[in-house]
PDB file of all heavy atoms in Angstrom:
ATOM      1  N   GLY A   1       1.787  10.165  -1.084  1.00  0.00           N
ATOM      2  CA  GLY A   1       2.109   9.680   0.277  1.00  0.00           C
ATOM      3  C   GLY A   1       2.159   8.199   0.473  1.00  0.00           C
ATOM      4  O   GLY A   1       2.307   7.751   1.604  1.00  0.00           O
ATOM      5  N   GLY A   2       2.081   7.452  -0.659  1.00  0.00           N
ATOM      6  CA  GLY A   2       2.319   5.999  -0.475  1.00  0.00           C
ATOM      7  C   GLY A   2       3.777   5.691  -0.445  1.00  0.00           C
ATOM      8  O   GLY A   2       4.618   6.534  -0.683  1.00  0.00           O
ATOM      9  N   THR A   3       4.105   4.413  -0.206  1.00  0.00           N
ATOM     10  CA  THR A   3       5.528   4.018  -0.219  1.00  0.00           C
ATOM     11  C   THR A   3       5.760   3.236  -1.473  1.00  0.00           C
ATOM     12  O   THR A   3       6.466   3.676  -2.378  1.00  0.00           O
ATOM     13  CB  THR A   3       5.889   3.240   1.062  1.00  0.00           C
ATOM     14  OG1 THR A   3       4.919   2.242   1.234  1.00  0.00           O
ATOM     15  CG2 THR A   3       5.934   4.116   2.303  1.00  0.00           C
ATOM     16  N   HIS A   4       5.188   2.040  -1.541  1.00  0.00           N
ATOM     17  CA  HIS A   4       5.206   1.269  -2.811  1.00  0.00           C
ATOM     18  C   HIS A   4       3.833   0.593  -2.863  1.00  0.00           C
ATOM     19  O   HIS A   4       3.077   0.532  -1.901  1.00  0.00           O
ATOM     20  CB  HIS A   4       6.382   0.330  -2.960  1.00  0.00           C
ATOM     21  CG  HIS A   4       6.317  -0.900  -2.060  1.00  0.00           C
ATOM     22  ND1 HIS A   4       6.779  -2.113  -2.435  1.00  0.00           N
ATOM     23  CD2 HIS A   4       5.956  -1.033  -0.757  1.00  0.00           C
ATOM     24  CE1 HIS A   4       6.633  -2.968  -1.463  1.00  0.00           C
ATOM     25  NE2 HIS A   4       6.108  -2.343  -0.422  1.00  0.00           N
ATOM     26  N   LEU A   5       3.437   0.142  -4.036  1.00  0.00           N
ATOM     27  CA  LEU A   5       2.056  -0.231  -4.290  1.00  0.00           C
ATOM     28  C   LEU A   5       1.495  -1.331  -3.372  1.00  0.00           C
ATOM     29  O   LEU A   5       0.350  -1.220  -2.996  1.00  0.00           O
ATOM     30  CB  LEU A   5       1.868  -0.626  -5.758  1.00  0.00           C
ATOM     31  CG  LEU A   5       2.241   0.493  -6.753  1.00  0.00           C
ATOM     32  CD1 LEU A   5       1.870   0.038  -8.162  1.00  0.00           C
ATOM     33  CD2 LEU A   5       1.584   1.783  -6.411  1.00  0.00           C
ATOM     34  N   PRO A   6       2.260  -2.353  -2.952  1.00  0.00           N
ATOM     35  CA  PRO A   6       1.678  -3.312  -2.045  1.00  0.00           C
ATOM     36  C   PRO A   6       1.357  -2.762  -0.646  1.00  0.00           C
ATOM     37  O   PRO A   6       0.602  -3.436   0.120  1.00  0.00           O
ATOM     38  CB  PRO A   6       2.782  -4.388  -1.934  1.00  0.00           C
ATOM     39  CG  PRO A   6       3.540  -4.270  -3.222  1.00  0.00           C
ATOM     40  CD  PRO A   6       3.580  -2.795  -3.501  1.00  0.00           C
ATOM     41  N   ASP A   7       1.875  -1.575  -0.313  1.00  0.00           N
ATOM     42  CA  ASP A   7       1.534  -0.962   1.007  1.00  0.00           C
ATOM     43  C   ASP A   7       0.288  -0.130   0.817  1.00  0.00           C
ATOM     44  O   ASP A   7       0.304   0.999   0.292  1.00  0.00           O
ATOM     45  CB  ASP A   7       2.684  -0.084   1.504  1.00  0.00           C
ATOM     46  CG  ASP A   7       3.864  -0.899   1.976  1.00  0.00           C
ATOM     47  OD1 ASP A   7       3.667  -2.094   2.286  1.00  0.00           O
ATOM     48  OD2 ASP A   7       4.948  -0.345   2.067  1.00  0.00           O
ATOM     49  N   ILE A   8      -0.874  -0.717   1.214  1.00  0.00           N
ATOM     50  CA  ILE A   8      -2.145  -0.015   1.078  1.00  0.00           C
ATOM     51  C   ILE A   8      -2.474   0.707   2.348  1.00  0.00           C
ATOM     52  O   ILE A   8      -2.352   0.168   3.449  1.00  0.00           O
ATOM     53  CB  ILE A   8      -3.242  -0.958   0.640  1.00  0.00           C
ATOM     54  CG1 ILE A   8      -2.857  -1.537  -0.748  1.00  0.00           C
ATOM     55  CG2 ILE A   8      -4.605  -0.304   0.639  1.00  0.00           C
ATOM     56  CD1 ILE A   8      -3.840  -2.549  -1.298  1.00  0.00           C
ATOM     57  N   THR A   9      -2.945   1.946   2.209  1.00  0.00           N
ATOM     58  CA  THR A   9      -3.221   2.856   3.357  1.00  0.00           C
ATOM     59  C   THR A   9      -4.700   3.184   3.442  1.00  0.00           C
ATOM     60  O   THR A   9      -5.316   3.445   2.391  1.00  0.00           O
ATOM     61  CB  THR A   9      -2.430   4.161   3.178  1.00  0.00           C
ATOM     62  OG1 THR A   9      -1.015   3.853   3.047  1.00  0.00           O
ATOM     63  CG2 THR A   9      -2.623   5.073   4.381  1.00  0.00           C
ATOM     64  N   LEU A  10      -5.225   3.091   4.606  1.00  0.00           N
ATOM     65  CA  LEU A  10      -6.567   3.535   4.920  1.00  0.00           C
ATOM     66  C   LEU A  10      -6.466   4.780   5.828  1.00  0.00           C
ATOM     67  O   LEU A  10      -5.733   4.737   6.833  1.00  0.00           O
ATOM     68  CB  LEU A  10      -7.389   2.467   5.615  1.00  0.00           C
ATOM     69  CG  LEU A  10      -7.703   1.233   4.806  1.00  0.00           C
ATOM     70  CD1 LEU A  10      -8.434   0.194   5.687  1.00  0.00           C
ATOM     71  CD2 LEU A  10      -8.517   1.551   3.584  1.00  0.00           C
ATOM     72  N   VAL A  11      -7.154   5.844   5.419  1.00  0.00           N
ATOM     73  CA  VAL A  11      -7.173   7.053   6.237  1.00  0.00           C
ATOM     74  C   VAL A  11      -8.607   7.344   6.637  1.00  0.00           C
ATOM     75  O   VAL A  11      -9.482   7.477   5.737  1.00  0.00           O
ATOM     76  CB  VAL A  11      -6.575   8.254   5.490  1.00  0.00           C
ATOM     77  CG1 VAL A  11      -6.669   9.542   6.302  1.00  0.00           C
ATOM     78  CG2 VAL A  11      -5.103   7.964   5.082  1.00  0.00           C
ATOM     79  N   SER A  12      -8.866   7.469   7.933  1.00  0.00           N
ATOM     80  CA  SER A  12     -10.206   7.710   8.438  1.00  0.00           C
ATOM     81  C   SER A  12     -10.233   9.073   9.035  1.00  0.00           C
ATOM     82  O   SER A  12      -9.288   9.539   9.741  1.00  0.00           O
ATOM     83  CB  SER A  12     -10.570   6.752   9.549  1.00  0.00           C
ATOM     84  OG  SER A  12     -10.480   5.415   9.075  1.00  0.00           O
ATOM     85  N   ARG A  13     -11.341   9.810   8.816  1.00  0.00           N
ATOM     86  CA  ARG A  13     -11.587  11.070   9.451  1.00  0.00           C
ATOM     87  C   ARG A  13     -12.133  10.767  10.831  1.00  0.00           C
ATOM     88  O   ARG A  13     -13.059   9.931  10.966  1.00  0.00           O
ATOM     89  CB  ARG A  13     -12.579  11.898   8.628  1.00  0.00           C
ATOM     90  CG  ARG A  13     -12.812  13.253   9.121  1.00  0.00           C
ATOM     91  CD  ARG A  13     -11.716  14.161   8.586  1.00  0.00           C
ATOM     92  NE  ARG A  13     -12.102  15.551   8.755  1.00  0.00           N
ATOM     93  CZ  ARG A  13     -11.605  16.341   9.696  1.00  0.00           C
ATOM     94  NH1 ARG A  13     -10.708  15.898  10.512  1.00  0.00           N
ATOM     95  NH2 ARG A  13     -11.984  17.576   9.780  1.00  0.00           N
ATOM     96  N   THR A  14     -11.647  11.378  11.866  1.00  0.00           N
ATOM     97  CA  THR A  14     -12.077  11.138  13.232  1.00  0.00           C
ATOM     98  C   THR A  14     -12.476  12.437  13.871  1.00  0.00           C
ATOM     99  O   THR A  14     -12.323  13.507  13.277  1.00  0.00           O
ATOM    100  CB  THR A  14     -10.958  10.482  14.084  1.00  0.00           C
ATOM    101  OG1 THR A  14      -9.930  11.450  14.314  1.00  0.00           O
ATOM    102  CG2 THR A  14     -10.376   9.244  13.435  1.00  0.00           C
ATOM    103  N   ALA A  15     -12.982  12.339  15.085  1.00  0.00           N
ATOM    104  CA  ALA A  15     -13.421  13.556  15.802  1.00  0.00           C
ATOM    105  C   ALA A  15     -12.249  14.489  16.103  1.00  0.00           C
ATOM    106  O   ALA A  15     -12.474  15.709  16.173  1.00  0.00           O
ATOM    107  CB  ALA A  15     -14.073  13.144  17.123  1.00  0.00           C
ATOM    108  N   VAL A  16     -11.062  13.995  16.231  1.00  0.00           N
ATOM    109  CA  VAL A  16      -9.889  14.863  16.560  1.00  0.00           C
ATOM    110  C   VAL A  16      -8.957  15.077  15.388  1.00  0.00           C
ATOM    111  O   VAL A  16      -8.024  15.839  15.458  1.00  0.00           O
ATOM    112  CB  VAL A  16      -9.100  14.292  17.740  1.00  0.00           C
ATOM    113  CG1 VAL A  16      -9.924  14.264  19.001  1.00  0.00           C
ATOM    114  CG2 VAL A  16      -8.530  12.873  17.417  1.00  0.00           C
ATOM    115  N   GLY A  17      -9.210  14.372  14.260  1.00  0.00           N
ATOM    116  CA  GLY A  17      -8.340  14.577  13.091  1.00  0.00           C
ATOM    117  C   GLY A  17      -8.393  13.381  12.142  1.00  0.00           C
ATOM    118  O   GLY A  17      -9.434  13.148  11.518  1.00  0.00           O
ATOM    119  N   PHE A  18      -7.335  12.589  12.094  1.00  0.00           N
ATOM    120  CA  PHE A  18      -7.275  11.482  11.161  1.00  0.00           C
ATOM    121  C   PHE A  18      -6.575  10.314  11.856  1.00  0.00           C
ATOM    122  O   PHE A  18      -5.654  10.469  12.622  1.00  0.00           O
ATOM    123  CB  PHE A  18      -6.497  11.854   9.910  1.00  0.00           C
ATOM    124  CG  PHE A  18      -7.092  12.995   9.198  1.00  0.00           C
ATOM    125  CD1 PHE A  18      -6.721  14.324   9.475  1.00  0.00           C
ATOM    126  CD2 PHE A  18      -8.007  12.764   8.164  1.00  0.00           C
ATOM    127  CE1 PHE A  18      -7.296  15.417   8.801  1.00  0.00           C
ATOM    128  CE2 PHE A  18      -8.608  13.832   7.483  1.00  0.00           C
ATOM    129  CZ  PHE A  18      -8.247  15.160   7.809  1.00  0.00           C
ATOM    130  N   ALA A  19      -6.987   9.096  11.416  1.00  0.00           N
ATOM    131  CA  ALA A  19      -6.330   7.854  11.772  1.00  0.00           C
ATOM    132  C   ALA A  19      -5.880   7.215  10.490  1.00  0.00           C
ATOM    133  O   ALA A  19      -6.603   7.156   9.562  1.00  0.00           O
ATOM    134  CB  ALA A  19      -7.260   6.912  12.552  1.00  0.00           C
ATOM    135  N   ALA A  20      -4.618   6.746  10.439  1.00  0.00           N
ATOM    136  CA  ALA A  20      -4.102   6.074   9.277  1.00  0.00           C
ATOM    137  C   ALA A  20      -3.539   4.715   9.602  1.00  0.00           C
ATOM    138  O   ALA A  20      -2.849   4.563  10.653  1.00  0.00           O
ATOM    139  CB  ALA A  20      -2.968   6.959   8.695  1.00  0.00           C
ATOM    140  N   THR A  21      -3.820   3.774   8.756  1.00  0.00           N
ATOM    141  CA  THR A  21      -3.227   2.415   8.850  1.00  0.00           C
ATOM    142  C   THR A  21      -2.648   2.049   7.504  1.00  0.00           C
ATOM    143  O   THR A  21      -3.305   2.194   6.474  1.00  0.00           O
ATOM    144  CB  THR A  21      -4.347   1.449   9.235  1.00  0.00           C
ATOM    145  OG1 THR A  21      -4.915   1.813  10.450  1.00  0.00           O
ATOM    146  CG2 THR A  21      -3.803   0.035   9.358  1.00  0.00           C
ATOM    147  N   ARG A  22      -1.451   1.559   7.503  1.00  0.00           N
ATOM    148  CA  ARG A  22      -0.782   1.143   6.280  1.00  0.00           C
ATOM    149  C   ARG A  22      -0.320  -0.293   6.461  1.00  0.00           C
ATOM    150  O   ARG A  22       0.331  -0.642   7.502  1.00  0.00           O
ATOM    151  CB  ARG A  22       0.398   2.042   5.953  1.00  0.00           C
ATOM    152  CG  ARG A  22       1.209   1.606   4.767  1.00  0.00           C
ATOM    153  CD  ARG A  22       2.164   2.692   4.304  1.00  0.00           C
ATOM    154  NE  ARG A  22       1.411   3.757   3.691  1.00  0.00           N
ATOM    155  CZ  ARG A  22       1.865   4.993   3.550  1.00  0.00           C
ATOM    156  NH1 ARG A  22       3.072   5.322   3.952  1.00  0.00           N
ATOM    157  NH2 ARG A  22       1.133   5.898   2.961  1.00  0.00           N
ATOM    158  N   ALA A  23      -0.633  -1.178   5.523  1.00  0.00           N
ATOM    159  CA  ALA A  23      -0.206  -2.592   5.642  1.00  0.00           C
ATOM    160  C   ALA A  23       0.185  -3.155   4.284  1.00  0.00           C
ATOM    161  O   ALA A  23      -0.386  -2.776   3.279  1.00  0.00           O
ATOM    162  CB  ALA A  23      -1.371  -3.390   6.241  1.00  0.00           C
ATOM    163  N   HIS A  24       1.141  -4.027   4.287  1.00  0.00           N
ATOM    164  CA  HIS A  24       1.657  -4.632   3.052  1.00  0.00           C
ATOM    165  C   HIS A  24       0.754  -5.757   2.675  1.00  0.00           C
ATOM    166  O   HIS A  24       0.422  -6.670   3.451  1.00  0.00           O
ATOM    167  CB  HIS A  24       3.055  -5.177   3.297  1.00  0.00           C
ATOM    168  CG  HIS A  24       3.728  -5.702   2.080  1.00  0.00           C
ATOM    169  ND1 HIS A  24       4.538  -4.930   1.286  1.00  0.00           N
ATOM    170  CD2 HIS A  24       3.673  -6.941   1.508  1.00  0.00           C
ATOM    171  CE1 HIS A  24       4.954  -5.673   0.259  1.00  0.00           C
ATOM    172  NE2 HIS A  24       4.464  -6.875   0.372  1.00  0.00           N
ATOM    173  N   HIS A  25       0.332  -5.767   1.408  1.00  0.00           N
ATOM    174  CA  HIS A  25      -0.500  -6.797   0.817  1.00  0.00           C
ATOM    175  C   HIS A  25       0.309  -7.640  -0.168  1.00  0.00           C
ATOM    176  O   HIS A  25       1.231  -7.146  -0.835  1.00  0.00           O
ATOM    177  CB  HIS A  25      -1.724  -6.202   0.149  1.00  0.00           C
ATOM    178  CG  HIS A  25      -2.669  -5.573   1.133  1.00  0.00           C
ATOM    179  ND1 HIS A  25      -2.388  -4.449   1.843  1.00  0.00           N
ATOM    180  CD2 HIS A  25      -3.878  -5.986   1.568  1.00  0.00           C
ATOM    181  CE1 HIS A  25      -3.357  -4.148   2.641  1.00  0.00           C
ATOM    182  NE2 HIS A  25      -4.291  -5.056   2.493  1.00  0.00           N
ATOM    183  N   ALA A  26      -0.007  -8.930  -0.230  1.00  0.00           N
ATOM    184  CA  ALA A  26       0.792  -9.854  -1.019  1.00  0.00           C
ATOM    185  C   ALA A  26       0.713  -9.621  -2.516  1.00  0.00           C
ATOM    186  O   ALA A  26       1.648  -9.834  -3.209  1.00  0.00           O
ATOM    187  CB  ALA A  26       0.367 -11.278  -0.693  1.00  0.00           C
ATOM    188  N   ASP A  27      -0.426  -9.132  -3.025  1.00  0.00           N
ATOM    189  CA  ASP A  27      -0.614  -8.995  -4.456  1.00  0.00           C
ATOM    190  C   ASP A  27      -1.512  -7.869  -4.782  1.00  0.00           C
ATOM    191  O   ASP A  27      -2.661  -7.797  -4.265  1.00  0.00           O
ATOM    192  CB  ASP A  27      -1.206 -10.315  -5.041  1.00  0.00           C
ATOM    193  CG  ASP A  27      -1.113 -10.408  -6.494  1.00  0.00           C
ATOM    194  OD1 ASP A  27      -0.870  -9.357  -7.167  1.00  0.00           O
ATOM    195  OD2 ASP A  27      -1.369 -11.503  -7.046  1.00  0.00           O
ATOM    196  N   VAL A  28      -1.054  -6.928  -5.534  1.00  0.00           N
ATOM    197  CA  VAL A  28      -1.857  -5.796  -6.025  1.00  0.00           C
ATOM    198  C   VAL A  28      -1.935  -5.701  -7.523  1.00  0.00           C
ATOM    199  O   VAL A  28      -2.002  -4.648  -8.097  1.00  0.00           O
ATOM    200  CB  VAL A  28      -1.426  -4.420  -5.391  1.00  0.00           C
ATOM    201  CG1 VAL A  28      -1.729  -4.378  -3.900  1.00  0.00           C
ATOM    202  CG2 VAL A  28       0.049  -4.175  -5.691  1.00  0.00           C
ATOM    203  N   GLY A  29      -1.883  -6.863  -8.152  1.00  0.00           N
ATOM    204  CA  GLY A  29      -2.084  -6.915  -9.620  1.00  0.00           C
ATOM    205  C   GLY A  29      -0.804  -6.722 -10.448  1.00  0.00           C
ATOM    206  O   GLY A  29      -0.906  -6.273 -11.574  1.00  0.00           O
ATOM    207  N   ALA A  30       0.355  -7.018  -9.899  1.00  0.00           N
ATOM    208  CA  ALA A  30       1.601  -6.930 -10.714  1.00  0.00           C
ATOM    209  C   ALA A  30       1.594  -7.934 -11.831  1.00  0.00           C
ATOM    210  O   ALA A  30       0.793  -8.887 -11.853  1.00  0.00           O
ATOM    211  CB  ALA A  30       2.770  -7.133  -9.777  1.00  0.00           C
ATOM    212  N   ALA A  31       2.519  -7.787 -12.806  1.00  0.00           N
ATOM    213  CA  ALA A  31       2.627  -8.643 -13.904  1.00  0.00           C
ATOM    214  C   ALA A  31       2.867 -10.118 -13.514  1.00  0.00           C
ATOM    215  O   ALA A  31       2.410 -11.038 -14.127  1.00  0.00           O
ATOM    216  CB  ALA A  31       3.749  -8.171 -14.849  1.00  0.00           C
ATOM    217  N   GLU A  32       3.582 -10.268 -12.411  1.00  0.00           N
ATOM    218  CA  GLU A  32       3.878 -11.576 -11.846  1.00  0.00           C
ATOM    219  C   GLU A  32       3.219 -11.692 -10.500  1.00  0.00           C
ATOM    220  O   GLU A  32       3.497 -10.892  -9.625  1.00  0.00           O
ATOM    221  CB  GLU A  32       5.403 -11.769 -11.699  1.00  0.00           C
ATOM    222  CG  GLU A  32       5.821 -13.144 -11.299  1.00  0.00           C
ATOM    223  CD  GLU A  32       7.382 -13.231 -11.216  1.00  0.00           C
ATOM    224  OE1 GLU A  32       8.069 -12.441 -11.910  1.00  0.00           O
ATOM    225  OE2 GLU A  32       7.839 -14.048 -10.423  1.00  0.00           O
ATOM    226  N   PRO A  33       2.314 -12.672 -10.279  1.00  0.00           N
ATOM    227  CA  PRO A  33       1.558 -12.757  -8.992  1.00  0.00           C
ATOM    228  C   PRO A  33       2.483 -12.712  -7.761  1.00  0.00           C
ATOM    229  O   PRO A  33       3.470 -13.408  -7.713  1.00  0.00           O
ATOM    230  CB  PRO A  33       0.839 -14.041  -9.106  1.00  0.00           C
ATOM    231  CG  PRO A  33       0.681 -14.295 -10.568  1.00  0.00           C
ATOM    232  CD  PRO A  33       1.963 -13.723 -11.171  1.00  0.00           C
ATOM    233  N   GLY A  34       2.106 -11.835  -6.799  1.00  0.00           N
ATOM    234  CA  GLY A  34       2.826 -11.748  -5.571  1.00  0.00           C
ATOM    235  C   GLY A  34       4.206 -11.049  -5.653  1.00  0.00           C
ATOM    236  O   GLY A  34       4.910 -10.960  -4.736  1.00  0.00           O
ATOM    237  N   LYS A  35       4.508 -10.517  -6.840  1.00  0.00           N
ATOM    238  CA  LYS A  35       5.796  -9.861  -7.037  1.00  0.00           C
ATOM    239  C   LYS A  35       5.527  -8.500  -7.538  1.00  0.00           C
ATOM    240  O   LYS A  35       4.494  -8.221  -8.130  1.00  0.00           O
ATOM    241  CB  LYS A  35       6.629 -10.640  -8.063  1.00  0.00           C
ATOM    242  CG  LYS A  35       6.996 -12.041  -7.648  1.00  0.00           C
ATOM    243  CD  LYS A  35       8.012 -12.032  -6.593  1.00  0.00           C
ATOM    244  CE  LYS A  35       8.417 -13.480  -6.256  1.00  0.00           C
ATOM    245  NZ  LYS A  35       9.420 -13.568  -5.282  1.00  0.00           N
ATOM    246  N   PRO A  36       6.457  -7.607  -7.527  1.00  0.00           N
ATOM    247  CA  PRO A  36       7.741  -7.665  -6.811  1.00  0.00           C
ATOM    248  C   PRO A  36       7.555  -7.019  -5.428  1.00  0.00           C
ATOM    249  O   PRO A  36       6.608  -6.258  -5.186  1.00  0.00           O
ATOM    250  CB  PRO A  36       8.638  -6.814  -7.716  1.00  0.00           C
ATOM    251  CG  PRO A  36       7.742  -5.788  -8.269  1.00  0.00           C
ATOM    252  CD  PRO A  36       6.404  -6.527  -8.448  1.00  0.00           C
ATOM    253  N   ALA A  37       8.506  -7.297  -4.590  1.00  0.00           N
ATOM    254  CA  ALA A  37       8.486  -6.694  -3.251  1.00  0.00           C
ATOM    255  C   ALA A  37       9.108  -5.289  -3.314  1.00  0.00           C
ATOM    256  O   ALA A  37       8.897  -4.469  -2.401  1.00  0.00           O
ATOM    257  CB  ALA A  37       9.253  -7.542  -2.264  1.00  0.00           C
ATOM    258  N   ARG A  38       9.876  -5.019  -4.339  1.00  0.00           N
ATOM    259  CA  ARG A  38      10.482  -3.686  -4.523  1.00  0.00           C
ATOM    260  C   ARG A  38      10.076  -3.098  -5.860  1.00  0.00           C
ATOM    261  O   ARG A  38       9.541  -3.793  -6.698  1.00  0.00           O
ATOM    262  CB  ARG A  38      11.997  -3.846  -4.435  1.00  0.00           C
ATOM    263  CG  ARG A  38      12.501  -4.239  -3.086  1.00  0.00           C
ATOM    264  CD  ARG A  38      14.022  -4.367  -3.104  1.00  0.00           C
ATOM    265  NE  ARG A  38      14.475  -5.230  -2.080  1.00  0.00           N
ATOM    266  CZ  ARG A  38      14.430  -6.544  -2.061  1.00  0.00           C
ATOM    267  NH1 ARG A  38      13.950  -7.197  -3.110  1.00  0.00           N
ATOM    268  NH2 ARG A  38      14.878  -7.260  -1.088  1.00  0.00           N
ATOM    269  N   ARG A  39      10.376  -1.832  -6.027  1.00  0.00           N
ATOM    270  CA  ARG A  39      10.065  -1.169  -7.304  1.00  0.00           C
ATOM    271  C   ARG A  39      10.728  -1.880  -8.459  1.00  0.00           C
ATOM    272  O   ARG A  39      11.904  -2.097  -8.492  1.00  0.00           O
ATOM    273  CB  ARG A  39      10.504   0.296  -7.232  1.00  0.00           C
ATOM    274  CG  ARG A  39      10.109   1.043  -8.493  1.00  0.00           C
ATOM    275  CD  ARG A  39      10.491   2.495  -8.336  1.00  0.00           C
ATOM    276  NE  ARG A  39      10.092   3.207  -9.496  1.00  0.00           N
ATOM    277  CZ  ARG A  39      10.843   3.500 -10.511  1.00  0.00           C
ATOM    278  NH1 ARG A  39      12.113   3.145 -10.529  1.00  0.00           N
ATOM    279  NH2 ARG A  39      10.383   4.171 -11.561  1.00  0.00           N
ATOM    280  N   PRO A  40       9.919  -2.246  -9.469  1.00  0.00           N
ATOM    281  CA  PRO A  40      10.494  -2.959 -10.585  1.00  0.00           C
ATOM    282  C   PRO A  40      11.270  -2.018 -11.512  1.00  0.00           C
ATOM    283  O   PRO A  40      11.038  -0.801 -11.500  1.00  0.00           O
ATOM    284  CB  PRO A  40       9.210  -3.509 -11.329  1.00  0.00           C
ATOM    285  CG  PRO A  40       8.159  -2.556 -10.926  1.00  0.00           C
ATOM    286  CD  PRO A  40       8.510  -2.071  -9.559  1.00  0.00           C
ATOM    287  N   PRO A  41      12.162  -2.572 -12.325  1.00  0.00           N
ATOM    288  CA  PRO A  41      13.002  -1.733 -13.192  1.00  0.00           C
ATOM    289  C   PRO A  41      12.168  -0.946 -14.206  1.00  0.00           C
ATOM    290  O   PRO A  41      12.541   0.131 -14.596  1.00  0.00           O
ATOM    291  CB  PRO A  41      13.914  -2.737 -13.953  1.00  0.00           C
ATOM    292  CG  PRO A  41      13.737  -4.061 -13.268  1.00  0.00           C
ATOM    293  CD  PRO A  41      12.507  -3.971 -12.396  1.00  0.00           C
ATOM    294  N   GLY A  42      11.004  -1.468 -14.624  1.00  0.00           N
ATOM    295  CA  GLY A  42      10.170  -0.774 -15.611  1.00  0.00           C
ATOM    296  C   GLY A  42       9.364   0.371 -15.061  1.00  0.00           C
ATOM    297  O   GLY A  42       8.719   1.118 -15.810  1.00  0.00           O
TER     298      GLY A  42
END
């Protein structure tokens, strides 16, 4: 259910169901810092 790796999602269980928040982060450990914004060829 993710989109691409820099989009990190938090899902909370609530009294009525679930709350979800997804936000783009600048760096999630790619080979090149802060890159890529799109799926890499590899």
